[in-house]
Amino acid sequence: MNKISLLSREQENKKIFFQLGGNFGLPKELIIYIYQILMNSNKHDISMATNYHRNILSAHLCCPNYIPTDITLTDSKNPFQYRLPIGKGNEWLIKSEENRVENIMYYGYYNQLKSRDILHQQIKLYGETEFILKTTTIDEREYYEPLMGMERIKFIDKIGIDLFDHYFDYLERGEEEFGWNIIKRGDSYETIWLDYQDEQDE
């Protein structure tokens, strides 16, 4: 039956080192020296990994399209710190990036969006399944239904940022049963004012 140890992980490691050292007849001082070398090496590796992830995040936030080749991403000092206010880190960059995108969206300067911003907004559009409709005919009557699947993905990708204003118009309906939407017509579309309650009643 396995016994539960009350020792910490570090205490367990020390115990194992002393047991191994005792098996080989090593002096206690040498065992301690080897253990300290291993622990310092582990701390150094963890520190380098932490630095790398912090710096690579800063790189993607500051230079989204490329990473400068004249920097070392494992440095303890963030090579992009000069672009940050004193005492600020990646959290400030993330927040300022969010504010930048919000301002662009608010004023409609969509051509200033980065590729990842556009993709993020297109994912939102895809998830709003009642936005972007297509027509279907049943018993010689035309009805509207959501555009779905790959047909929806290709349409959103083809029309691009031109959909964004229509999307915000669609969102303004809130909980109301009427508002603006768009209907896919071949490779293009048309805007339409819909009363969703009337559609359901029909």
Foldseek 3Di string as FASTA:
>chain_A
DDDDDPDDPVVVVLVVLVVVCVVVVHDPVVSVVVVVVVVVVVVLVVLQVVQLVQQVLVQCLVPVPDGDPPDDSSDNDRPCCVVDDPPDGVVVSVVVVVVVLVVCLVVVVVVPDDPVSQVVVLVVVQVVQVAEWEWDADPNDIAIGGDDDPRSVVLCVLCGPVCSVQVVQQCVCPPAQWTKHWYDDPSRIDIDIDRNVVRVVD
